[in-house]
Amino acid sequence: MTEFPITDDDGLVQCTCGTDKMLRLLADASRRRVVASLKNCEDNWIHREQLAQRLSEPHEDGAVSSWERDLHHVHLPLLEDVGLIEYDRQAGTVRHYQCDILSDVLDTVDPE
């Protein structure tokens, strides 16, 4: 099975991710939005609430709290299990890492 490197800002490999796990991550449209939003962050750290605000539609009531709940209970734990992020549940901070192949697949599947 092919393993793809997940690296930090310095290019150091933090871990690897297999093809099946990567495709399972990207099978969910909401998670693709999460990954794309993390990829487009200026810094490699973001707070869960800030991420939820980025993902919410501007005029959708309760969208931020809904996204924050889904991030905390579903999406961030899955991304952490694969090694794409480190998630501090108490502080609500997310540190994300780069995976070039994941970015390439995401750009192909959801080009906008």
PDB file of N, CA and C in Angstrom:
ATOM      1  N   MET A   1       0.845  -1.170   0.000  1.00  0.00           N
ATOM      2  CA  MET A   1       0.000   0.000   0.000  1.00  0.00           C
ATOM      3  C   MET A   1       0.895   1.239   0.000  1.00  0.00           C
ATOM      4  N   THR A   2       0.479   2.258  -0.709  1.00  0.00           N
ATOM      5  CA  THR A   2       1.238   3.494  -0.790  1.00  0.00           C
ATOM      6  C   THR A   2       0.977   4.351   0.441  1.00  0.00           C
ATOM      7  N   GLU A   3       2.045   4.899   0.994  1.00  0.00           N
ATOM      8  CA  GLU A   3       1.962   5.810   2.127  1.00  0.00           C
ATOM      9  C   GLU A   3       2.421   7.187   1.672  1.00  0.00           C
ATOM     10  N   PHE A   4       1.693   8.218   2.076  1.00  0.00           N
ATOM     11  CA  PHE A   4       2.019   9.583   1.696  1.00  0.00           C
ATOM     12  C   PHE A   4       2.483  10.359   2.924  1.00  0.00           C
ATOM     13  N   PRO A   5       3.554  11.138   2.787  1.00  0.00           N
ATOM     14  CA  PRO A   5       4.076  11.873   3.943  1.00  0.00           C
ATOM     15  C   PRO A   5       3.198  13.060   4.325  1.00  0.00           C
ATOM     16  N   ILE A   6       3.082  13.273   5.631  1.00  0.00           N
ATOM     17  CA  ILE A   6       2.431  14.447   6.198  1.00  0.00           C
ATOM     18  C   ILE A   6       3.538  15.226   6.892  1.00  0.00           C
ATOM     19  N   THR A   7       3.755  16.473   6.455  1.00  0.00           N
ATOM     20  CA  THR A   7       4.917  17.228   6.905  1.00  0.00           C
ATOM     21  C   THR A   7       4.524  18.515   7.632  1.00  0.00           C
ATOM     22  N   ASP A   8       5.471  19.014   8.450  1.00  0.00           N
ATOM     23  CA  ASP A   8       5.261  20.300   9.108  1.00  0.00           C
ATOM     24  C   ASP A   8       5.811  21.416   8.222  1.00  0.00           C
ATOM     25  N   ASP A   9       5.818  22.641   8.741  1.00  0.00           N
ATOM     26  CA  ASP A   9       6.270  23.796   7.955  1.00  0.00           C
ATOM     27  C   ASP A   9       7.732  23.704   7.543  1.00  0.00           C
ATOM     28  N   ASP A  10       8.519  22.959   8.304  1.00  0.00           N
ATOM     29  CA  ASP A  10       9.939  22.806   7.998  1.00  0.00           C
ATOM     30  C   ASP A  10      10.213  21.658   7.040  1.00  0.00           C
ATOM     31  N   GLY A  11       9.160  20.961   6.614  1.00  0.00           N
ATOM     32  CA  GLY A  11       9.322  19.850   5.694  1.00  0.00           C
ATOM     33  C   GLY A  11       9.651  18.534   6.384  1.00  0.00           C
ATOM     34  N   LEU A  12       9.620  18.522   7.721  1.00  0.00           N
ATOM     35  CA  LEU A  12       9.886  17.284   8.455  1.00  0.00           C
ATOM     36  C   LEU A  12       8.647  16.396   8.434  1.00  0.00           C
ATOM     37  N   VAL A  13       8.835  15.137   8.137  1.00  0.00           N
ATOM     38  CA  VAL A  13       7.719  14.197   8.083  1.00  0.00           C
ATOM     39  C   VAL A  13       7.241  13.896   9.501  1.00  0.00           C
ATOM     40  N   GLN A  14       5.956  14.181   9.753  1.00  0.00           N
ATOM     41  CA  GLN A  14       5.346  13.911  11.053  1.00  0.00           C
ATOM     42  C   GLN A  14       4.801  12.492  11.115  1.00  0.00           C
ATOM     43  N   CYS A  15       4.253  12.034  10.003  1.00  0.00           N
ATOM     44  CA  CYS A  15       3.715  10.683   9.891  1.00  0.00           C
ATOM     45  C   CYS A  15       3.392  10.437   8.419  1.00  0.00           C
ATOM     46  N   THR A  16       2.810   9.306   8.137  1.00  0.00           N
ATOM     47  CA  THR A  16       2.367   9.004   6.780  1.00  0.00           C
ATOM     48  C   THR A  16       0.902   8.586   6.813  1.00  0.00           C
ATOM     49  N   CYS A  17       0.259   8.683   5.660  1.00  0.00           N
ATOM     50  CA  CYS A  17      -1.149   8.326   5.551  1.00  0.00           C
ATOM     51  C   CYS A  17      -1.328   7.449   4.318  1.00  0.00           C
ATOM     52  N   GLY A  18      -2.049   6.363   4.475  1.00  0.00           N
ATOM     53  CA  GLY A  18      -2.305   5.456   3.365  1.00  0.00           C
ATOM     54  C   GLY A  18      -3.397   5.961   2.441  1.00  0.00           C
ATOM     55  N   THR A  19      -3.424   5.413   1.256  1.00  0.00           N
ATOM     56  CA  THR A  19      -4.381   5.810   0.225  1.00  0.00           C
ATOM     57  C   THR A  19      -5.822   5.636   0.697  1.00  0.00           C
ATOM     58  N   ASP A  20      -6.144   4.498   1.286  1.00  0.00           N
ATOM     59  CA  ASP A  20      -7.523   4.236   1.710  1.00  0.00           C
ATOM     60  C   ASP A  20      -7.998   5.240   2.746  1.00  0.00           C
ATOM     61  N   LYS A  21      -7.149   5.523   3.743  1.00  0.00           N
ATOM     62  CA  LYS A  21      -7.529   6.494   4.775  1.00  0.00           C
ATOM     63  C   LYS A  21      -7.741   7.874   4.173  1.00  0.00           C
ATOM     64  N   MET A  22      -6.864   8.245   3.266  1.00  0.00           N
ATOM     65  CA  MET A  22      -6.963   9.553   2.652  1.00  0.00           C
ATOM     66  C   MET A  22      -8.259   9.688   1.850  1.00  0.00           C
ATOM     67  N   LEU A  23      -8.580   8.662   1.087  1.00  0.00           N
ATOM     68  CA  LEU A  23      -9.799   8.717   0.286  1.00  0.00           C
ATOM     69  C   LEU A  23     -11.045   8.706   1.169  1.00  0.00           C
ATOM     70  N   ARG A  24     -11.000   7.983   2.296  1.00  0.00           N
ATOM     71  CA  ARG A  24     -12.127   8.004   3.237  1.00  0.00           C
ATOM     72  C   ARG A  24     -12.327   9.400   3.817  1.00  0.00           C
ATOM     73  N   LEU A  25     -11.221  10.076   4.117  1.00  0.00           N
ATOM     74  CA  LEU A  25     -11.319  11.445   4.634  1.00  0.00           C
ATOM     75  C   LEU A  25     -12.020  12.364   3.641  1.00  0.00           C
ATOM     76  N   LEU A  26     -11.660  12.227   2.379  1.00  0.00           N
ATOM     77  CA  LEU A  26     -12.179  13.136   1.365  1.00  0.00           C
ATOM     78  C   LEU A  26     -13.521  12.703   0.789  1.00  0.00           C
ATOM     79  N   ALA A  27     -14.039  11.575   1.234  1.00  0.00           N
ATOM     80  CA  ALA A  27     -15.330  11.101   0.731  1.00  0.00           C
ATOM     81  C   ALA A  27     -16.488  11.965   1.224  1.00  0.00           C
ATOM     82  N   ASP A  28     -16.290  12.666   2.329  1.00  0.00           N
ATOM     83  CA  ASP A  28     -17.333  13.488   2.934  1.00  0.00           C
ATOM     84  C   ASP A  28     -17.157  14.950   2.494  1.00  0.00           C
ATOM     85  N   ALA A  29     -18.202  15.540   1.926  1.00  0.00           N
ATOM     86  CA  ALA A  29     -18.119  16.911   1.405  1.00  0.00           C
ATOM     87  C   ALA A  29     -17.811  17.929   2.501  1.00  0.00           C
ATOM     88  N   SER A  30     -18.385  17.749   3.682  1.00  0.00           N
ATOM     89  CA  SER A  30     -18.106  18.676   4.784  1.00  0.00           C
ATOM     90  C   SER A  30     -16.645  18.603   5.204  1.00  0.00           C
ATOM     91  N   ARG A  31     -16.113  17.409   5.245  1.00  0.00           N
ATOM     92  CA  ARG A  31     -14.703  17.261   5.635  1.00  0.00           C
ATOM     93  C   ARG A  31     -13.774  17.845   4.562  1.00  0.00           C
ATOM     94  N   ARG A  32     -14.170  17.732   3.295  1.00  0.00           N
ATOM     95  CA  ARG A  32     -13.379  18.377   2.238  1.00  0.00           C
ATOM     96  C   ARG A  32     -13.337  19.879   2.458  1.00  0.00           C
ATOM     97  N   ARG A  33     -14.450  20.457   2.892  1.00  0.00           N
ATOM     98  CA  ARG A  33     -14.474  21.901   3.191  1.00  0.00           C
ATOM     99  C   ARG A  33     -13.547  22.220   4.351  1.00  0.00           C
ATOM    100  N   VAL A  34     -13.534  21.364   5.362  1.00  0.00           N
ATOM    101  CA  VAL A  34     -12.649  21.567   6.516  1.00  0.00           C
ATOM    102  C   VAL A  34     -11.191  21.520   6.076  1.00  0.00           C
ATOM    103  N   VAL A  35     -10.833  20.498   5.315  1.00  0.00           N
ATOM    104  CA  VAL A  35      -9.446  20.339   4.851  1.00  0.00           C
ATOM    105  C   VAL A  35      -9.041  21.524   3.977  1.00  0.00           C
ATOM    106  N   ALA A  36      -9.933  21.950   3.089  1.00  0.00           N
ATOM    107  CA  ALA A  36      -9.627  23.093   2.222  1.00  0.00           C
ATOM    108  C   ALA A  36      -9.431  24.361   3.039  1.00  0.00           C
ATOM    109  N   SER A  37     -10.255  24.552   4.047  1.00  0.00           N
ATOM    110  CA  SER A  37     -10.129  25.733   4.894  1.00  0.00           C
ATOM    111  C   SER A  37      -8.818  25.712   5.671  1.00  0.00           C
ATOM    112  N   LEU A  38      -8.437  24.557   6.185  1.00  0.00           N
ATOM    113  CA  LEU A  38      -7.161  24.437   6.894  1.00  0.00           C
ATOM    114  C   LEU A  38      -5.993  24.697   5.945  1.00  0.00           C
ATOM    115  N   LYS A  39      -6.110  24.176   4.739  1.00  0.00           N
ATOM    116  CA  LYS A  39      -5.053  24.347   3.744  1.00  0.00           C
ATOM    117  C   LYS A  39      -4.849  25.818   3.398  1.00  0.00           C
ATOM    118  N   ASN A  40      -5.932  26.599   3.437  1.00  0.00           N
ATOM    119  CA  ASN A  40      -5.870  28.006   3.052  1.00  0.00           C
ATOM    120  C   ASN A  40      -5.566  28.952   4.216  1.00  0.00           C
ATOM    121  N   CYS A  41      -5.334  28.416   5.408  1.00  0.00           N
ATOM    122  CA  CYS A  41      -4.968  29.260   6.549  1.00  0.00           C
ATOM    123  C   CYS A  41      -3.573  29.831   6.352  1.00  0.00           C
ATOM    124  N   GLU A  42      -3.394  31.078   6.772  1.00  0.00           N
ATOM    125  CA  GLU A  42      -2.084  31.713   6.663  1.00  0.00           C
ATOM    126  C   GLU A  42      -1.080  31.085   7.626  1.00  0.00           C
ATOM    127  N   ASP A  43      -1.539  30.680   8.769  1.00  0.00           N
ATOM    128  CA  ASP A  43      -0.691  30.091   9.793  1.00  0.00           C
ATOM    129  C   ASP A  43      -1.046  28.611   9.904  1.00  0.00           C
ATOM    130  N   ASN A  44      -0.223  27.830  10.563  1.00  0.00           N
ATOM    131  CA  ASN A  44      -0.558  26.416  10.710  1.00  0.00           C
ATOM    132  C   ASN A  44      -1.336  26.145  11.998  1.00  0.00           C
ATOM    133  N   TRP A  45      -1.757  27.194  12.701  1.00  0.00           N
ATOM    134  CA  TRP A  45      -2.586  27.089  13.897  1.00  0.00           C
ATOM    135  C   TRP A  45      -3.886  27.847  13.669  1.00  0.00           C
ATOM    136  N   ILE A  46      -4.979  27.298  14.169  1.00  0.00           N
ATOM    137  CA  ILE A  46      -6.270  27.992  14.116  1.00  0.00           C
ATOM    138  C   ILE A  46      -7.108  27.498  15.292  1.00  0.00           C
ATOM    139  N   HIS A  47      -7.975  28.347  15.786  1.00  0.00           N
ATOM    140  CA  HIS A  47      -8.884  27.952  16.868  1.00  0.00           C
ATOM    141  C   HIS A  47     -10.134  27.336  16.244  1.00  0.00           C
ATOM    142  N   ARG A  48     -10.695  26.347  16.908  1.00  0.00           N
ATOM    143  CA  ARG A  48     -11.888  25.649  16.411  1.00  0.00           C
ATOM    144  C   ARG A  48     -13.023  26.623  16.101  1.00  0.00           C
ATOM    145  N   GLU A  49     -13.244  27.610  16.959  1.00  0.00           N
ATOM    146  CA  GLU A  49     -14.323  28.579  16.733  1.00  0.00           C
ATOM    147  C   GLU A  49     -14.061  29.412  15.476  1.00  0.00           C
ATOM    148  N   GLN A  50     -12.830  29.806  15.271  1.00  0.00           N
ATOM    149  CA  GLN A  50     -12.471  30.571  14.076  1.00  0.00           C
ATOM    150  C   GLN A  50     -12.680  29.729  12.815  1.00  0.00           C
ATOM    151  N   LEU A  51     -12.307  28.457  12.893  1.00  0.00           N
ATOM    152  CA  LEU A  51     -12.515  27.551  11.769  1.00  0.00           C
ATOM    153  C   LEU A  51     -14.004  27.400  11.481  1.00  0.00           C
ATOM    154  N   ALA A  52     -14.812  27.262  12.522  1.00  0.00           N
ATOM    155  CA  ALA A  52     -16.264  27.145  12.349  1.00  0.00           C
ATOM    156  C   ALA A  52     -16.834  28.393  11.681  1.00  0.00           C
ATOM    157  N   GLN A  53     -16.326  29.566  12.053  1.00  0.00           N
ATOM    158  CA  GLN A  53     -16.791  30.808  11.435  1.00  0.00           C
ATOM    159  C   GLN A  53     -16.445  30.838   9.949  1.00  0.00           C
ATOM    160  N   ARG A  54     -15.266  30.367   9.594  1.00  0.00           N
ATOM    161  CA  ARG A  54     -14.859  30.331   8.183  1.00  0.00           C
ATOM    162  C   ARG A  54     -15.756  29.405   7.361  1.00  0.00           C
ATOM    163  N   LEU A  55     -16.222  28.339   7.982  1.00  0.00           N
ATOM    164  CA  LEU A  55     -17.007  27.329   7.280  1.00  0.00           C
ATOM    165  C   LEU A  55     -18.489  27.670   7.194  1.00  0.00           C
ATOM    166  N   SER A  56     -18.953  28.582   8.029  1.00  0.00           N
ATOM    167  CA  SER A  56     -20.379  28.908   8.111  1.00  0.00           C
ATOM    168  C   SER A  56     -20.810  29.844   7.001  1.00  0.00           C
ATOM    169  N   GLU A  57     -22.042  29.660   6.586  1.00  0.00           N
ATOM    170  CA  GLU A  57     -22.647  30.591   5.635  1.00  0.00           C
ATOM    171  C   GLU A  57     -23.017  31.851   6.403  1.00  0.00           C
ATOM    172  N   PRO A  58     -22.845  33.044   5.818  1.00  0.00           N
ATOM    173  CA  PRO A  58     -23.012  34.305   6.536  1.00  0.00           C
ATOM    174  C   PRO A  58     -24.391  34.521   7.166  1.00  0.00           C
ATOM    175  N   HIS A  59     -25.443  34.086   6.522  1.00  0.00           N
ATOM    176  CA  HIS A  59     -26.791  34.394   7.027  1.00  0.00           C
ATOM    177  C   HIS A  59     -27.528  33.154   7.524  1.00  0.00           C
ATOM    178  N   GLU A  60     -26.799  32.144   7.911  1.00  0.00           N
ATOM    179  CA  GLU A  60     -27.402  30.897   8.359  1.00  0.00           C
ATOM    180  C   GLU A  60     -27.415  30.863   9.888  1.00  0.00           C
ATOM    181  N   ASP A  61     -28.617  30.903  10.483  1.00  0.00           N
ATOM    182  CA  ASP A  61     -28.744  30.908  11.948  1.00  0.00           C
ATOM    183  C   ASP A  61     -28.212  29.615  12.547  1.00  0.00           C
ATOM    184  N   GLY A  62     -27.390  29.738  13.569  1.00  0.00           N
ATOM    185  CA  GLY A  62     -26.858  28.588  14.283  1.00  0.00           C
ATOM    186  C   GLY A  62     -25.778  27.824  13.556  1.00  0.00           C
ATOM    187  N   ALA A  63     -25.337  28.337  12.422  1.00  0.00           N
ATOM    188  CA  ALA A  63     -24.362  27.604  11.608  1.00  0.00           C
ATOM    189  C   ALA A  63     -23.012  27.483  12.302  1.00  0.00           C
ATOM    190  N   VAL A  64     -22.580  28.543  12.978  1.00  0.00           N
ATOM    191  CA  VAL A  64     -21.275  28.495  13.644  1.00  0.00           C
ATOM    192  C   VAL A  64     -21.283  27.443  14.738  1.00  0.00           C
ATOM    193  N   SER A  65     -22.317  27.436  15.573  1.00  0.00           N
ATOM    194  CA  SER A  65     -22.360  26.456  16.663  1.00  0.00           C
ATOM    195  C   SER A  65     -22.515  25.037  16.121  1.00  0.00           C
ATOM    196  N   SER A  66     -23.257  24.882  15.034  1.00  0.00           N
ATOM    197  CA  SER A  66     -23.398  23.565  14.417  1.00  0.00           C
ATOM    198  C   SER A  66     -22.052  23.077  13.873  1.00  0.00           C
ATOM    199  N   TRP A  67     -21.332  23.959  13.164  1.00  0.00           N
ATOM    200  CA  TRP A  67     -20.013  23.596  12.652  1.00  0.00           C
ATOM    201  C   TRP A  67     -19.042  23.303  13.787  1.00  0.00           C
ATOM    202  N   GLU A  68     -19.092  24.123  14.832  1.00  0.00           N
ATOM    203  CA  GLU A  68     -18.167  23.910  15.943  1.00  0.00           C
ATOM    204  C   GLU A  68     -18.412  22.552  16.603  1.00  0.00           C
ATOM    205  N   ARG A  69     -19.672  22.183  16.771  1.00  0.00           N
ATOM    206  CA  ARG A  69     -20.012  20.874  17.335  1.00  0.00           C
ATOM    207  C   ARG A  69     -19.523  19.744  16.425  1.00  0.00           C
ATOM    208  N   ASP A  70     -19.787  19.863  15.114  1.00  0.00           N
ATOM    209  CA  ASP A  70     -19.362  18.824  14.175  1.00  0.00           C
ATOM    210  C   ASP A  70     -17.836  18.732  14.087  1.00  0.00           C
ATOM    211  N   LEU A  71     -17.170  19.875  14.131  1.00  0.00           N
ATOM    212  CA  LEU A  71     -15.707  19.865  14.129  1.00  0.00           C
ATOM    213  C   LEU A  71     -15.182  19.126  15.343  1.00  0.00           C
ATOM    214  N   HIS A  72     -15.711  19.470  16.508  1.00  0.00           N
ATOM    215  CA  HIS A  72     -15.221  18.889  17.769  1.00  0.00           C
ATOM    216  C   HIS A  72     -15.469  17.382  17.864  1.00  0.00           C
ATOM    217  N   HIS A  73     -16.650  16.951  17.455  1.00  0.00           N
ATOM    218  CA  HIS A  73     -17.031  15.550  17.653  1.00  0.00           C
ATOM    219  C   HIS A  73     -16.745  14.634  16.467  1.00  0.00           C
ATOM    220  N   VAL A  74     -16.636  15.186  15.260  1.00  0.00           N
ATOM    221  CA  VAL A  74     -16.515  14.326  14.079  1.00  0.00           C
ATOM    222  C   VAL A  74     -15.238  14.603  13.283  1.00  0.00           C
ATOM    223  N   HIS A  75     -15.182  15.769  12.677  1.00  0.00           N
ATOM    224  CA  HIS A  75     -14.148  16.029  11.673  1.00  0.00           C
ATOM    225  C   HIS A  75     -12.729  16.130  12.243  1.00  0.00           C
ATOM    226  N   LEU A  76     -12.563  16.911  13.297  1.00  0.00           N
ATOM    227  CA  LEU A  76     -11.208  17.076  13.844  1.00  0.00           C
ATOM    228  C   LEU A  76     -10.645  15.776  14.424  1.00  0.00           C
ATOM    229  N   PRO A  77     -11.441  14.980  15.147  1.00  0.00           N
ATOM    230  CA  PRO A  77     -10.890  13.696  15.614  1.00  0.00           C
ATOM    231  C   PRO A  77     -10.461  12.769  14.466  1.00  0.00           C
ATOM    232  N   LEU A  78     -11.226  12.752  13.370  1.00  0.00           N
ATOM    233  CA  LEU A  78     -10.839  11.915  12.229  1.00  0.00           C
ATOM    234  C   LEU A  78      -9.546  12.410  11.590  1.00  0.00           C
ATOM    235  N   LEU A  79      -9.429  13.722  11.431  1.00  0.00           N
ATOM    236  CA  LEU A  79      -8.205  14.285  10.859  1.00  0.00           C
ATOM    237  C   LEU A  79      -7.004  14.048  11.773  1.00  0.00           C
ATOM    238  N   GLU A  80      -7.246  14.079  13.076  1.00  0.00           N
ATOM    239  CA  GLU A  80      -6.169  13.814  14.033  1.00  0.00           C
ATOM    240  C   GLU A  80      -5.746  12.345  13.988  1.00  0.00           C
ATOM    241  N   ASP A  81      -6.697  11.440  13.862  1.00  0.00           N
ATOM    242  CA  ASP A  81      -6.383  10.005  13.793  1.00  0.00           C
ATOM    243  C   ASP A  81      -5.456   9.684  12.624  1.00  0.00           C
ATOM    244  N   VAL A  82      -5.614  10.413  11.530  1.00  0.00           N
ATOM    245  CA  VAL A  82      -4.785  10.186  10.350  1.00  0.00           C
ATOM    246  C   VAL A  82      -3.422  10.869  10.498  1.00  0.00           C
ATOM    247  N   GLY A  83      -3.350  11.890  11.363  1.00  0.00           N
ATOM    248  CA  GLY A  83      -2.097  12.612  11.571  1.00  0.00           C
ATOM    249  C   GLY A  83      -2.017  13.919  10.816  1.00  0.00           C
ATOM    250  N   LEU A  84      -3.122  14.333  10.197  1.00  0.00           N
ATOM    251  CA  LEU A  84      -3.126  15.576   9.440  1.00  0.00           C
ATOM    252  C   LEU A  84      -3.145  16.803  10.354  1.00  0.00           C
ATOM    253  N   ILE A  85      -3.654  16.633  11.567  1.00  0.00           N
ATOM    254  CA  ILE A  85      -3.711  17.736  12.526  1.00  0.00           C
ATOM    255  C   ILE A  85      -3.341  17.232  13.922  1.00  0.00           C
ATOM    256  N   GLU A  86      -3.053  18.178  14.807  1.00  0.00           N
ATOM    257  CA  GLU A  86      -3.032  17.959  16.251  1.00  0.00           C
ATOM    258  C   GLU A  86      -4.163  18.810  16.794  1.00  0.00           C
ATOM    259  N   TYR A  87      -5.024  18.229  17.607  1.00  0.00           N
ATOM    260  CA  TYR A  87      -6.199  18.934  18.107  1.00  0.00           C
ATOM    261  C   TYR A  87      -6.198  18.917  19.619  1.00  0.00           C
ATOM    262  N   ASP A  88      -6.129  20.101  20.223  1.00  0.00           N
ATOM    263  CA  ASP A  88      -6.221  20.246  21.675  1.00  0.00           C
ATOM    264  C   ASP A  88      -7.688  20.503  22.014  1.00  0.00           C
ATOM    265  N   ARG A  89      -8.370  19.482  22.478  1.00  0.00           N
ATOM    266  CA  ARG A  89      -9.802  19.576  22.737  1.00  0.00           C
ATOM    267  C   ARG A  89     -10.125  20.595  23.824  1.00  0.00           C
ATOM    268  N   GLN A  90      -9.270  20.706  24.830  1.00  0.00           N
ATOM    269  CA  GLN A  90      -9.524  21.644  25.931  1.00  0.00           C
ATOM    270  C   GLN A  90      -9.402  23.088  25.466  1.00  0.00           C
ATOM    271  N   ALA A  91      -8.323  23.409  24.782  1.00  0.00           N
ATOM    272  CA  ALA A  91      -8.086  24.782  24.329  1.00  0.00           C
ATOM    273  C   ALA A  91      -8.830  25.089  23.029  1.00  0.00           C
ATOM    274  N   GLY A  92      -9.198  24.054  22.282  1.00  0.00           N
ATOM    275  CA  GLY A  92      -9.893  24.241  21.014  1.00  0.00           C
ATOM    276  C   GLY A  92      -8.973  24.654  19.877  1.00  0.00           C
ATOM    277  N   THR A  93      -7.673  24.404  20.043  1.00  0.00           N
ATOM    278  CA  THR A  93      -6.727  24.794  18.997  1.00  0.00           C
ATOM    279  C   THR A  93      -6.413  23.621  18.078  1.00  0.00           C
ATOM    280  N   VAL A  94      -6.165  23.969  16.826  1.00  0.00           N
ATOM    281  CA  VAL A  94      -5.866  22.978  15.800  1.00  0.00           C
ATOM    282  C   VAL A  94      -4.549  23.374  15.132  1.00  0.00           C
ATOM    283  N   ARG A  95      -3.608  22.452  15.117  1.00  0.00           N
ATOM    284  CA  ARG A  95      -2.378  22.646  14.355  1.00  0.00           C
ATOM    285  C   ARG A  95      -2.455  21.692  13.171  1.00  0.00           C
ATOM    286  N   HIS A  96      -2.325  22.227  11.976  1.00  0.00           N
ATOM    287  CA  HIS A  96      -2.458  21.357  10.816  1.00  0.00           C
ATOM    288  C   HIS A  96      -1.136  21.236  10.079  1.00  0.00           C
ATOM    289  N   TYR A  97      -0.990  20.083   9.413  1.00  0.00           N
ATOM    290  CA  TYR A  97       0.213  19.740   8.670  1.00  0.00           C
ATOM    291  C   TYR A  97      -0.125  19.617   7.192  1.00  0.00           C
ATOM    292  N   GLN A  98       0.900  19.606   6.372  1.00  0.00           N
ATOM    293  CA  GLN A  98       0.749  19.523   4.924  1.00  0.00           C
ATOM    294  C   GLN A  98       0.830  18.074   4.434  1.00  0.00           C
ATOM    295  N   CYS A  99       0.004  17.767   3.473  1.00  0.00           N
ATOM    296  CA  CYS A  99       0.094  16.511   2.755  1.00  0.00           C
ATOM    297  C   CYS A  99      -0.168  16.856   1.297  1.00  0.00           C
ATOM    298  N   ASP A 100       0.906  16.903   0.517  1.00  0.00           N
ATOM    299  CA  ASP A 100       0.806  17.373  -0.865  1.00  0.00           C
ATOM    300  C   ASP A 100      -0.194  16.581  -1.690  1.00  0.00           C
ATOM    301  N   ILE A 101      -0.201  15.274  -1.541  1.00  0.00           N
ATOM    302  CA  ILE A 101      -1.109  14.458  -2.344  1.00  0.00           C
ATOM    303  C   ILE A 101      -2.562  14.726  -1.953  1.00  0.00           C
ATOM    304  N   LEU A 102      -2.804  14.956  -0.663  1.00  0.00           N
ATOM    305  CA  LEU A 102      -4.150  15.282  -0.204  1.00  0.00           C
ATOM    306  C   LEU A 102      -4.605  16.602  -0.832  1.00  0.00           C
ATOM    307  N   SER A 103      -3.718  17.582  -0.872  1.00  0.00           N
ATOM    308  CA  SER A 103      -4.035  18.865  -1.505  1.00  0.00           C
ATOM    309  C   SER A 103      -4.303  18.691  -2.995  1.00  0.00           C
ATOM    310  N   ASP A 104      -3.501  17.878  -3.651  1.00  0.00           N
ATOM    311  CA  ASP A 104      -3.685  17.634  -5.079  1.00  0.00           C
ATOM    312  C   ASP A 104      -5.030  16.965  -5.361  1.00  0.00           C
ATOM    313  N   VAL A 105      -5.368  15.953  -4.567  1.00  0.00           N
ATOM    314  CA  VAL A 105      -6.651  15.265  -4.760  1.00  0.00           C
ATOM    315  C   VAL A 105      -7.801  16.226  -4.493  1.00  0.00           C
ATOM    316  N   LEU A 106      -7.699  17.010  -3.430  1.00  0.00           N
ATOM    317  CA  LEU A 106      -8.740  17.980  -3.097  1.00  0.00           C
ATOM    318  C   LEU A 106      -8.913  18.996  -4.221  1.00  0.00           C
ATOM    319  N   ASP A 107      -7.827  19.497  -4.763  1.00  0.00           N
ATOM    320  CA  ASP A 107      -7.898  20.454  -5.871  1.00  0.00           C
ATOM    321  C   ASP A 107      -8.551  19.845  -7.101  1.00  0.00           C
ATOM    322  N   THR A 108      -8.364  18.558  -7.307  1.00  0.00           N
ATOM    323  CA  THR A 108      -8.962  17.880  -8.450  1.00  0.00           C
ATOM    324  C   THR A 108     -10.452  17.627  -8.234  1.00  0.00           C
ATOM    325  N   VAL A 109     -10.808  17.204  -7.038  1.00  0.00           N
ATOM    326  CA  VAL A 109     -12.203  16.862  -6.742  1.00  0.00           C
ATOM    327  C   VAL A 109     -13.068  18.117  -6.584  1.00  0.00           C
ATOM    328  N   ASP A 110     -12.570  19.099  -5.837  1.00  0.00           N
ATOM    329  CA  ASP A 110     -13.281  20.364  -5.577  1.00  0.00           C
ATOM    330  C   ASP A 110     -12.401  21.522  -6.011  1.00  0.00           C
ATOM    331  N   PRO A 111     -12.348  21.837  -7.289  1.00  0.00           N
ATOM    332  CA  PRO A 111     -11.400  22.841  -7.782  1.00  0.00           C
ATOM    333  C   PRO A 111     -11.644  24.267  -7.305  1.00  0.00           C
ATOM    334  N   GLU A 112     -12.842  24.592  -6.822  1.00  0.00           N
ATOM    335  CA  GLU A 112     -13.045  25.976  -6.393  1.00  0.00           C
ATOM    336  C   GLU A 112     -12.509  26.126  -5.028  1.00  0.00           C
TER     337      GLU A 112
END
